[in-house]
Amino acid sequence: MFSNRDYISTHISYRLNLKGPSFSLNTACSTSLVAIDQACRGLLTGQCSIAIAGGVKVSSEMNLGYVYQEGMILSPDGHCRAFSHGSKGTINGEGAGLVV
């Protein structure tokens, strides 16, 4: 499988025999949201009849411990409490999500 993020979308399209536009984008934290927005625009304008959009985060770097710095984005206790009043920061993670 391709490991270069610039070619992953076209490689998947080729493997699934999909036709039409296929592209990768990167907008840092909003990449998945922008990808879904682009897919919706393609559907609304008739550029495509079905769309696959989403995002992937995989880190190939080996982290040597958890480094918390006061005033930065990471949680002081290493826990993420999304949508909670007790939230004090985030943690790093990996994952993938797609919508059709």
N, C-alpha and C. Protein backbone atom coordinates (compact mmCIF):
# COMPACT_ATOMS: atom_id res chain seq x y z
N MET A 1 0.85 -1.19 0.00
CA MET A 1 0.00 0.00 0.00
C MET A 1 0.89 1.24 0.00
N PHE A 2 0.41 2.26 -0.63
CA PHE A 2 1.15 3.52 -0.68
C PHE A 2 1.26 4.11 0.72
N SER A 3 2.41 4.64 1.06
CA SER A 3 2.56 5.30 2.36
C SER A 3 2.64 6.81 2.21
N ASN A 4 2.66 7.32 0.99
CA ASN A 4 2.73 8.75 0.76
C ASN A 4 1.33 9.34 0.81
N ARG A 5 1.09 10.28 1.72
CA ARG A 5 -0.25 10.83 1.91
C ARG A 5 -0.75 11.59 0.68
N ASP A 6 0.13 12.04 -0.19
CA ASP A 6 -0.29 12.78 -1.38
C ASP A 6 -0.95 11.89 -2.42
N TYR A 7 -0.74 10.59 -2.37
CA TYR A 7 -1.26 9.69 -3.37
C TYR A 7 -2.30 8.71 -2.84
N ILE A 8 -2.59 8.73 -1.56
CA ILE A 8 -3.46 7.71 -0.97
C ILE A 8 -4.87 7.75 -1.55
N SER A 9 -5.43 8.95 -1.76
CA SER A 9 -6.81 9.02 -2.27
C SER A 9 -6.91 8.47 -3.69
N THR A 10 -5.97 8.81 -4.55
CA THR A 10 -6.02 8.30 -5.92
C THR A 10 -5.71 6.81 -5.97
N HIS A 11 -4.88 6.35 -5.07
CA HIS A 11 -4.57 4.92 -5.02
C HIS A 11 -5.81 4.12 -4.59
N ILE A 12 -6.53 4.62 -3.59
CA ILE A 12 -7.76 3.96 -3.16
C ILE A 12 -8.80 3.99 -4.28
N SER A 13 -8.94 5.14 -4.95
CA SER A 13 -9.89 5.24 -6.07
C SER A 13 -9.56 4.22 -7.15
N TYR A 14 -8.30 4.09 -7.47
CA TYR A 14 -7.86 3.13 -8.48
C TYR A 14 -8.20 1.70 -8.05
N ARG A 15 -7.88 1.35 -6.80
CA ARG A 15 -8.12 -0.01 -6.30
C ARG A 15 -9.61 -0.35 -6.26
N LEU A 16 -10.46 0.64 -5.98
CA LEU A 16 -11.91 0.42 -5.92
C LEU A 16 -12.59 0.66 -7.25
N ASN A 17 -11.82 0.96 -8.29
CA ASN A 17 -12.33 1.24 -9.64
C ASN A 17 -13.34 2.38 -9.63
N LEU A 18 -13.06 3.41 -8.86
CA LEU A 18 -13.93 4.59 -8.78
C LEU A 18 -13.58 5.55 -9.90
N LYS A 19 -14.56 6.29 -10.37
CA LYS A 19 -14.38 7.25 -11.45
C LYS A 19 -14.65 8.65 -10.92
N GLY A 20 -14.08 9.66 -11.56
CA GLY A 20 -14.34 11.04 -11.15
C GLY A 20 -13.18 11.62 -10.38
N PRO A 21 -13.39 12.82 -9.83
CA PRO A 21 -12.30 13.50 -9.13
C PRO A 21 -11.87 12.75 -7.87
N SER A 22 -10.58 12.78 -7.62
CA SER A 22 -10.01 12.17 -6.42
C SER A 22 -8.82 13.02 -6.01
N PHE A 23 -8.84 13.51 -4.79
CA PHE A 23 -7.74 14.36 -4.35
C PHE A 23 -7.57 14.30 -2.83
N SER A 24 -6.38 14.65 -2.40
CA SER A 24 -6.07 14.74 -0.98
C SER A 24 -5.91 16.20 -0.62
N LEU A 25 -6.24 16.54 0.61
CA LEU A 25 -6.03 17.90 1.09
C LEU A 25 -5.57 17.85 2.53
N ASN A 26 -4.99 18.94 2.97
CA ASN A 26 -4.50 19.02 4.35
C ASN A 26 -4.73 20.43 4.86
N THR A 27 -5.57 20.55 5.88
CA THR A 27 -5.84 21.85 6.50
C THR A 27 -5.60 21.79 8.01
N ALA A 28 -4.68 20.95 8.42
CA ALA A 28 -4.35 20.74 9.84
C ALA A 28 -5.56 20.15 10.57
N CYS A 29 -6.06 20.78 11.59
CA CYS A 29 -7.12 20.21 12.42
C CYS A 29 -8.48 20.11 11.75
N SER A 30 -8.70 20.84 10.67
CA SER A 30 -10.01 20.84 10.03
C SER A 30 -10.07 20.01 8.76
N THR A 31 -9.09 19.16 8.51
CA THR A 31 -9.02 18.42 7.26
C THR A 31 -10.27 17.59 6.99
N SER A 32 -10.74 16.81 7.96
CA SER A 32 -11.92 15.97 7.75
C SER A 32 -13.15 16.81 7.44
N LEU A 33 -13.32 17.90 8.17
CA LEU A 33 -14.47 18.78 7.95
C LEU A 33 -14.43 19.40 6.55
N VAL A 34 -13.28 19.85 6.12
CA VAL A 34 -13.14 20.45 4.79
C VAL A 34 -13.35 19.37 3.71
N ALA A 35 -12.87 18.17 3.93
CA ALA A 35 -13.07 17.09 2.97
C ALA A 35 -14.56 16.78 2.81
N ILE A 36 -15.28 16.73 3.91
CA ILE A 36 -16.72 16.46 3.85
C ILE A 36 -17.45 17.62 3.18
N ASP A 37 -17.04 18.85 3.45
CA ASP A 37 -17.62 20.02 2.79
C ASP A 37 -17.41 19.93 1.27
N GLN A 38 -16.21 19.57 0.85
CA GLN A 38 -15.92 19.44 -0.59
C GLN A 38 -16.77 18.33 -1.21
N ALA A 39 -16.95 17.23 -0.50
CA ALA A 39 -17.77 16.14 -1.00
C ALA A 39 -19.23 16.59 -1.17
N CYS A 40 -19.74 17.32 -0.19
CA CYS A 40 -21.12 17.83 -0.26
C CYS A 40 -21.28 18.79 -1.43
N ARG A 41 -20.30 19.65 -1.63
CA ARG A 41 -20.35 20.58 -2.77
C ARG A 41 -20.36 19.83 -4.10
N GLY A 42 -19.57 18.77 -4.20
CA GLY A 42 -19.55 17.96 -5.41
C GLY A 42 -20.90 17.30 -5.67
N LEU A 43 -21.55 16.84 -4.61
CA LEU A 43 -22.87 16.23 -4.75
C LEU A 43 -23.92 17.28 -5.15
N LEU A 44 -23.87 18.44 -4.49
CA LEU A 44 -24.85 19.50 -4.77
C LEU A 44 -24.72 20.08 -6.17
N THR A 45 -23.51 20.16 -6.69
CA THR A 45 -23.31 20.74 -8.02
C THR A 45 -23.39 19.71 -9.13
N GLY A 46 -23.58 18.44 -8.78
CA GLY A 46 -23.69 17.40 -9.79
C GLY A 46 -22.36 16.91 -10.33
N GLN A 47 -21.27 17.32 -9.71
CA GLN A 47 -19.94 16.88 -10.14
C GLN A 47 -19.78 15.38 -9.91
N CYS A 48 -20.53 14.84 -8.93
CA CYS A 48 -20.49 13.42 -8.64
C CYS A 48 -21.86 12.98 -8.11
N SER A 49 -22.13 11.68 -8.16
CA SER A 49 -23.39 11.16 -7.65
C SER A 49 -23.20 10.45 -6.31
N ILE A 50 -21.98 10.15 -5.97
CA ILE A 50 -21.64 9.57 -4.67
C ILE A 50 -20.24 10.06 -4.31
N ALA A 51 -20.00 10.25 -3.03
CA ALA A 51 -18.69 10.76 -2.60
C ALA A 51 -18.24 10.02 -1.34
N ILE A 52 -16.94 9.85 -1.22
CA ILE A 52 -16.32 9.29 -0.02
C ILE A 52 -15.38 10.36 0.51
N ALA A 53 -15.56 10.73 1.77
CA ALA A 53 -14.72 11.77 2.36
C ALA A 53 -14.40 11.41 3.80
N GLY A 54 -13.27 11.92 4.28
CA GLY A 54 -12.90 11.66 5.66
C GLY A 54 -11.49 12.07 5.96
N GLY A 55 -10.94 11.47 6.99
CA GLY A 55 -9.59 11.81 7.39
C GLY A 55 -8.90 10.66 8.10
N VAL A 56 -7.58 10.72 8.09
CA VAL A 56 -6.75 9.70 8.72
C VAL A 56 -5.62 10.39 9.46
N LYS A 57 -5.33 9.92 10.67
CA LYS A 57 -4.18 10.42 11.45
C LYS A 57 -3.40 9.22 11.93
N VAL A 58 -2.22 9.03 11.37
CA VAL A 58 -1.32 7.96 11.79
C VAL A 58 0.04 8.58 11.99
N SER A 59 0.62 8.36 13.14
CA SER A 59 1.93 8.92 13.45
C SER A 59 2.98 7.83 13.37
N SER A 60 4.01 8.07 12.59
CA SER A 60 5.08 7.10 12.47
C SER A 60 6.24 7.41 13.42
N GLU A 61 6.11 8.50 14.15
CA GLU A 61 7.17 8.89 15.08
C GLU A 61 6.97 8.20 16.43
N MET A 62 8.04 7.76 17.01
CA MET A 62 7.99 7.16 18.33
C MET A 62 8.17 8.26 19.37
N ASN A 63 7.13 8.52 20.14
CA ASN A 63 7.22 9.54 21.18
C ASN A 63 7.92 8.96 22.41
N LEU A 64 8.77 9.73 23.00
CA LEU A 64 9.48 9.29 24.20
C LEU A 64 8.86 9.93 25.43
N GLY A 65 7.67 9.47 25.77
CA GLY A 65 7.00 9.99 26.96
C GLY A 65 6.00 11.07 26.62
N TYR A 66 5.35 11.55 27.66
CA TYR A 66 4.31 12.56 27.54
C TYR A 66 4.88 13.87 28.06
N VAL A 67 4.91 14.88 27.21
CA VAL A 67 5.53 16.15 27.58
C VAL A 67 4.45 17.22 27.76
N TYR A 68 4.15 17.54 29.01
CA TYR A 68 3.17 18.59 29.31
C TYR A 68 3.91 19.89 29.56
N GLN A 69 3.40 20.98 28.96
CA GLN A 69 3.94 22.31 29.21
C GLN A 69 2.79 23.23 29.59
N GLU A 70 2.93 23.95 30.66
CA GLU A 70 1.90 24.87 31.15
C GLU A 70 1.49 25.84 30.05
N GLY A 71 0.17 26.01 29.88
CA GLY A 71 -0.36 26.94 28.90
C GLY A 71 -0.44 26.41 27.48
N MET A 72 -0.01 25.17 27.25
CA MET A 72 -0.06 24.60 25.90
C MET A 72 -1.31 23.72 25.77
N ILE A 73 -1.45 23.02 24.65
CA ILE A 73 -2.68 22.30 24.32
C ILE A 73 -2.83 20.96 25.04
N LEU A 74 -1.74 20.31 25.45
CA LEU A 74 -1.81 18.98 26.05
C LEU A 74 -2.37 19.01 27.47
N SER A 75 -3.11 17.98 27.81
CA SER A 75 -3.72 17.83 29.12
C SER A 75 -2.66 17.59 30.19
N PRO A 76 -2.79 18.21 31.37
CA PRO A 76 -1.78 18.02 32.42
C PRO A 76 -1.75 16.60 32.99
N ASP A 77 -2.88 15.88 32.93
CA ASP A 77 -2.91 14.53 33.50
C ASP A 77 -2.95 13.43 32.44
N GLY A 78 -2.84 13.78 31.15
CA GLY A 78 -2.81 12.79 30.09
C GLY A 78 -4.17 12.24 29.71
N HIS A 79 -5.25 12.90 30.13
CA HIS A 79 -6.61 12.45 29.81
C HIS A 79 -7.35 13.53 29.02
N CYS A 80 -8.09 13.09 28.04
CA CYS A 80 -8.91 14.00 27.24
C CYS A 80 -10.36 13.84 27.70
N ARG A 81 -10.99 14.91 28.03
CA ARG A 81 -12.38 14.89 28.48
C ARG A 81 -13.21 15.78 27.55
N ALA A 82 -13.44 15.27 26.35
CA ALA A 82 -14.15 16.05 25.34
C ALA A 82 -15.54 16.44 25.81
N PHE A 83 -15.92 17.68 25.57
CA PHE A 83 -17.24 18.24 25.88
C PHE A 83 -17.55 18.25 27.39
N SER A 84 -16.54 18.21 28.23
CA SER A 84 -16.72 18.21 29.68
C SER A 84 -16.22 19.51 30.28
N HIS A 85 -16.88 19.95 31.35
CA HIS A 85 -16.40 21.14 32.06
C HIS A 85 -15.06 20.87 32.74
N GLY A 86 -14.75 19.60 32.98
CA GLY A 86 -13.48 19.22 33.60
C GLY A 86 -12.33 19.07 32.61
N SER A 87 -12.56 19.41 31.37
CA SER A 87 -11.53 19.28 30.35
C SER A 87 -10.41 20.29 30.59
N LYS A 88 -9.18 19.83 30.47
CA LYS A 88 -8.02 20.70 30.68
C LYS A 88 -7.02 20.62 29.54
N GLY A 89 -7.38 19.93 28.46
CA GLY A 89 -6.48 19.81 27.33
C GLY A 89 -6.77 18.57 26.52
N THR A 90 -5.95 18.33 25.56
CA THR A 90 -6.13 17.20 24.66
C THR A 90 -4.94 16.25 24.77
N ILE A 91 -5.02 15.12 24.08
CA ILE A 91 -3.91 14.18 24.01
C ILE A 91 -3.74 13.78 22.54
N ASN A 92 -2.61 13.24 22.18
CA ASN A 92 -2.38 12.78 20.82
C ASN A 92 -3.03 11.42 20.61
N GLY A 93 -3.40 11.14 19.40
CA GLY A 93 -4.02 9.85 19.09
C GLY A 93 -3.94 9.55 17.61
N GLU A 94 -4.41 8.39 17.22
CA GLU A 94 -4.44 7.97 15.83
C GLU A 94 -5.84 7.47 15.52
N GLY A 95 -6.25 7.59 14.27
CA GLY A 95 -7.55 7.11 13.88
C GLY A 95 -7.87 7.41 12.44
N ALA A 96 -9.02 6.90 12.00
CA ALA A 96 -9.50 7.14 10.64
C ALA A 96 -11.01 7.16 10.66
N GLY A 97 -11.58 7.95 9.79
CA GLY A 97 -13.04 8.01 9.66
C GLY A 97 -13.43 8.43 8.26
N LEU A 98 -14.43 7.76 7.71
CA LEU A 98 -14.90 8.07 6.37
C LEU A 98 -16.42 8.11 6.36
N VAL A 99 -16.97 8.93 5.51
CA VAL A 99 -18.41 8.94 5.27
C VAL A 99 -18.64 8.77 3.77
N VAL A 100 -19.72 8.10 3.41
CA VAL A 100 -20.08 7.91 2.00
C VAL A 100 -21.37 8.64 1.76
